[in-house]
Amino acid sequence: MLTFATFIDIQEYNGAFVENYAAQELLAAGNGELHYWTSPGHAEVDFVIASGESILPLEVKAGASREKRSLRVYSEKFKPAALSRAGARNFKRDGDFCNYPIYAVSLFPGLTARS
């Protein structure tokens, strides 16, 4: 029987499940090796992927969070052409920021690079 306590325990792993899903989709789409980035502080970007002459960051979120702190820290250091996030929100481009719904993460970095 699924109890509330069990449900809370499952939710604790949502981020890991979504990141794993994204990794599998990115590999299946032919993105080669997957890499991540961490700062000496607490910022981390889930995936950094080569696209032509660029290296583009992708943060994956299990929910609809609007948090971009890690992407902004990465941007200040490396100045990528675009910042991207995959999660529960729909497609959207706002300046240098691209959002992918998690079901379409396999389209990264193609849509970011074309925009």
C-alpha atoms as a PDB file:
ATOM      1  CA  MET A   1       0.000   0.000   0.000  1.00  0.00           C
ATOM      2  CA  LEU A   2       1.296   3.439  -0.929  1.00  0.00           C
ATOM      3  CA  THR A   3       1.238   5.592   2.171  1.00  0.00           C
ATOM      4  CA  PHE A   4       1.907   9.317   2.450  1.00  0.00           C
ATOM      5  CA  ALA A   5       5.287   8.559   4.084  1.00  0.00           C
ATOM      6  CA  THR A   6       6.225   6.283   1.185  1.00  0.00           C
ATOM      7  CA  PHE A   7       5.131   8.964  -1.278  1.00  0.00           C
ATOM      8  CA  ILE A   8       7.363  11.526   0.452  1.00  0.00           C
ATOM      9  CA  ASP A   9      10.280   9.063   0.276  1.00  0.00           C
ATOM     10  CA  ILE A  10       9.686   8.595  -3.472  1.00  0.00           C
ATOM     11  CA  GLN A  11       9.539  12.370  -4.044  1.00  0.00           C
ATOM     12  CA  GLU A  12      12.985  12.700  -2.499  1.00  0.00           C
ATOM     13  CA  TYR A  13      14.379  10.913  -5.568  1.00  0.00           C
ATOM     14  CA  ASN A  14      12.410  12.776  -8.269  1.00  0.00           C
ATOM     15  CA  GLY A  15      15.425  14.910  -9.198  1.00  0.00           C
ATOM     16  CA  ALA A  16      17.626  11.848  -9.661  1.00  0.00           C
ATOM     17  CA  PHE A  17      14.963  10.094 -11.751  1.00  0.00           C
ATOM     18  CA  VAL A  18      14.513  13.120 -14.010  1.00  0.00           C
ATOM     19  CA  GLU A  19      18.284  13.638 -14.414  1.00  0.00           C
ATOM     20  CA  ASN A  20      18.661   9.948 -15.292  1.00  0.00           C
ATOM     21  CA  TYR A  21      15.853  10.211 -17.853  1.00  0.00           C
ATOM     22  CA  ALA A  22      17.500  13.285 -19.376  1.00  0.00           C
ATOM     23  CA  ALA A  23      20.876  11.515 -19.561  1.00  0.00           C
ATOM     24  CA  GLN A  24      19.340   8.528 -21.362  1.00  0.00           C
ATOM     25  CA  GLU A  25      17.492  10.784 -23.821  1.00  0.00           C
ATOM     26  CA  LEU A  26      20.592  12.889 -24.532  1.00  0.00           C
ATOM     27  CA  LEU A  27      22.694   9.769 -25.157  1.00  0.00           C
ATOM     28  CA  ALA A  28      20.013   8.222 -27.393  1.00  0.00           C
ATOM     29  CA  ALA A  29      19.919  11.467 -29.400  1.00  0.00           C
ATOM     30  CA  GLY A  30      23.624  11.058 -30.190  1.00  0.00           C
ATOM     31  CA  ASN A  31      25.129  13.662 -27.878  1.00  0.00           C
ATOM     32  CA  GLY A  32      28.205  11.520 -27.239  1.00  0.00           C
ATOM     33  CA  GLU A  33      29.834  11.861 -23.841  1.00  0.00           C
ATOM     34  CA  LEU A  34      27.915  13.639 -21.125  1.00  0.00           C
ATOM     35  CA  HIS A  35      29.700  15.976 -18.739  1.00  0.00           C
ATOM     36  CA  TYR A  36      28.678  18.127 -15.793  1.00  0.00           C
ATOM     37  CA  TRP A  37      30.139  21.203 -14.116  1.00  0.00           C
ATOM     38  CA  THR A  38      30.478  22.259 -10.481  1.00  0.00           C
ATOM     39  CA  SER A  39      31.828  25.452  -8.994  1.00  0.00           C
ATOM     40  CA  PRO A  40      34.063  25.639  -5.935  1.00  0.00           C
ATOM     41  CA  GLY A  41      30.932  26.923  -4.131  1.00  0.00           C
ATOM     42  CA  HIS A  42      27.568  25.175  -4.391  1.00  0.00           C
ATOM     43  CA  ALA A  43      26.628  25.736  -8.040  1.00  0.00           C
ATOM     44  CA  GLU A  44      26.322  22.766 -10.368  1.00  0.00           C
ATOM     45  CA  VAL A  45      25.078  22.320 -13.919  1.00  0.00           C
ATOM     46  CA  ASP A  46      23.717  18.864 -14.725  1.00  0.00           C
ATOM     47  CA  PHE A  47      24.990  18.652 -18.310  1.00  0.00           C
ATOM     48  CA  VAL A  48      27.458  20.587 -20.471  1.00  0.00           C
ATOM     49  CA  ILE A  49      27.330  19.467 -24.080  1.00  0.00           C
ATOM     50  CA  ALA A  50      29.459  20.344 -27.098  1.00  0.00           C
ATOM     51  CA  SER A  51      27.538  21.822 -30.017  1.00  0.00           C
ATOM     52  CA  GLY A  52      29.758  22.812 -32.905  1.00  0.00           C
ATOM     53  CA  GLU A  53      32.267  25.314 -31.563  1.00  0.00           C
ATOM     54  CA  SER A  54      30.233  25.947 -28.390  1.00  0.00           C
ATOM     55  CA  ILE A  55      29.750  24.211 -25.078  1.00  0.00           C
ATOM     56  CA  LEU A  56      26.198  24.677 -23.827  1.00  0.00           C
ATOM     57  CA  PRO A  57      24.909  24.124 -20.277  1.00  0.00           C
ATOM     58  CA  LEU A  58      21.664  22.311 -19.455  1.00  0.00           C
ATOM     59  CA  GLU A  59      20.104  22.225 -15.995  1.00  0.00           C
ATOM     60  CA  VAL A  60      17.417  19.595 -15.362  1.00  0.00           C
ATOM     61  CA  LYS A  61      14.644  20.184 -12.809  1.00  0.00           C
ATOM     62  CA  ALA A  62      12.039  17.706 -11.574  1.00  0.00           C
ATOM     63  CA  GLY A  63       9.472  20.445 -10.979  1.00  0.00           C
ATOM     64  CA  ALA A  64       8.513  23.821 -12.347  1.00  0.00           C
ATOM     65  CA  SER A  65      11.245  25.741 -10.515  1.00  0.00           C
ATOM     66  CA  ARG A  66      12.282  29.092 -11.941  1.00  0.00           C
ATOM     67  CA  GLU A  67      15.663  28.924 -10.152  1.00  0.00           C
ATOM     68  CA  LYS A  68      18.594  29.714 -12.457  1.00  0.00           C
ATOM     69  CA  ARG A  69      21.360  30.400  -9.923  1.00  0.00           C
ATOM     70  CA  SER A  70      23.690  27.616 -11.082  1.00  0.00           C
ATOM     71  CA  LEU A  71      23.196  28.548 -14.731  1.00  0.00           C
ATOM     72  CA  ARG A  72      23.956  32.195 -13.969  1.00  0.00           C
ATOM     73  CA  VAL A  73      27.138  31.261 -12.073  1.00  0.00           C
ATOM     74  CA  TYR A  74      28.194  29.139 -15.073  1.00  0.00           C
ATOM     75  CA  SER A  75      27.326  31.994 -17.444  1.00  0.00           C
ATOM     76  CA  GLU A  76      29.429  34.514 -15.521  1.00  0.00           C
ATOM     77  CA  LYS A  77      32.440  32.222 -15.744  1.00  0.00           C
ATOM     78  CA  PHE A  78      32.174  30.826 -19.293  1.00  0.00           C
ATOM     79  CA  LYS A  79      29.865  33.187 -21.261  1.00  0.00           C
ATOM     80  CA  PRO A  80      27.951  30.508 -23.253  1.00  0.00           C
ATOM     81  CA  ALA A  81      25.763  31.546 -26.186  1.00  0.00           C
ATOM     82  CA  ALA A  82      22.668  30.300 -24.329  1.00  0.00           C
ATOM     83  CA  LEU A  83      21.517  28.840 -21.014  1.00  0.00           C
ATOM     84  CA  SER A  84      19.014  25.980 -21.011  1.00  0.00           C
ATOM     85  CA  ARG A  85      16.804  24.204 -18.527  1.00  0.00           C
ATOM     86  CA  ALA A  86      14.621  21.114 -18.948  1.00  0.00           C
ATOM     87  CA  GLY A  87      11.716  20.500 -16.613  1.00  0.00           C
ATOM     88  CA  ALA A  88       7.974  20.735 -16.179  1.00  0.00           C
ATOM     89  CA  ARG A  89       7.581  23.990 -18.113  1.00  0.00           C
ATOM     90  CA  ASN A  90       6.833  24.240 -21.853  1.00  0.00           C
ATOM     91  CA  PHE A  91       9.146  25.483 -24.622  1.00  0.00           C
ATOM     92  CA  LYS A  92      10.188  29.085 -24.130  1.00  0.00           C
ATOM     93  CA  ARG A  93      13.026  31.357 -25.168  1.00  0.00           C
ATOM     94  CA  ASP A  94      13.705  34.549 -23.243  1.00  0.00           C
ATOM     95  CA  GLY A  95      16.893  36.303 -24.355  1.00  0.00           C
ATOM     96  CA  ASP A  96      19.773  33.909 -23.734  1.00  0.00           C
ATOM     97  CA  PHE A  97      17.586  31.488 -21.746  1.00  0.00           C
ATOM     98  CA  CYS A  98      15.886  28.442 -23.332  1.00  0.00           C
ATOM     99  CA  ASN A  99      13.405  26.153 -21.623  1.00  0.00           C
ATOM    100  CA  TYR A 100      12.694  22.611 -22.793  1.00  0.00           C
ATOM    101  CA  PRO A 101       9.885  20.439 -21.456  1.00  0.00           C
ATOM    102  CA  ILE A 102      11.464  17.282 -20.050  1.00  0.00           C
ATOM    103  CA  TYR A 103       9.734  15.106 -22.666  1.00  0.00           C
ATOM    104  CA  ALA A 104      11.655  17.014 -25.384  1.00  0.00           C
ATOM    105  CA  VAL A 105      15.094  17.102 -23.757  1.00  0.00           C
ATOM    106  CA  SER A 106      16.435  14.968 -26.633  1.00  0.00           C
ATOM    107  CA  LEU A 107      16.084  18.069 -28.847  1.00  0.00           C
ATOM    108  CA  PHE A 108      18.849  19.775 -26.823  1.00  0.00           C
ATOM    109  CA  PRO A 109      21.097  21.422 -27.933  1.00  0.00           C
ATOM    110  CA  GLY A 110      19.617  21.613 -31.430  1.00  0.00           C
ATOM    111  CA  LEU A 111      16.878  24.118 -30.686  1.00  0.00           C
ATOM    112  CA  THR A 112      19.189  26.230 -28.520  1.00  0.00           C
ATOM    113  CA  ALA A 113      21.880  26.352 -31.187  1.00  0.00           C
ATOM    114  CA  ARG A 114      19.361  27.313 -33.927  1.00  0.00           C
ATOM    115  CA  SER A 115      17.657  30.059 -31.962  1.00  0.00           C
END
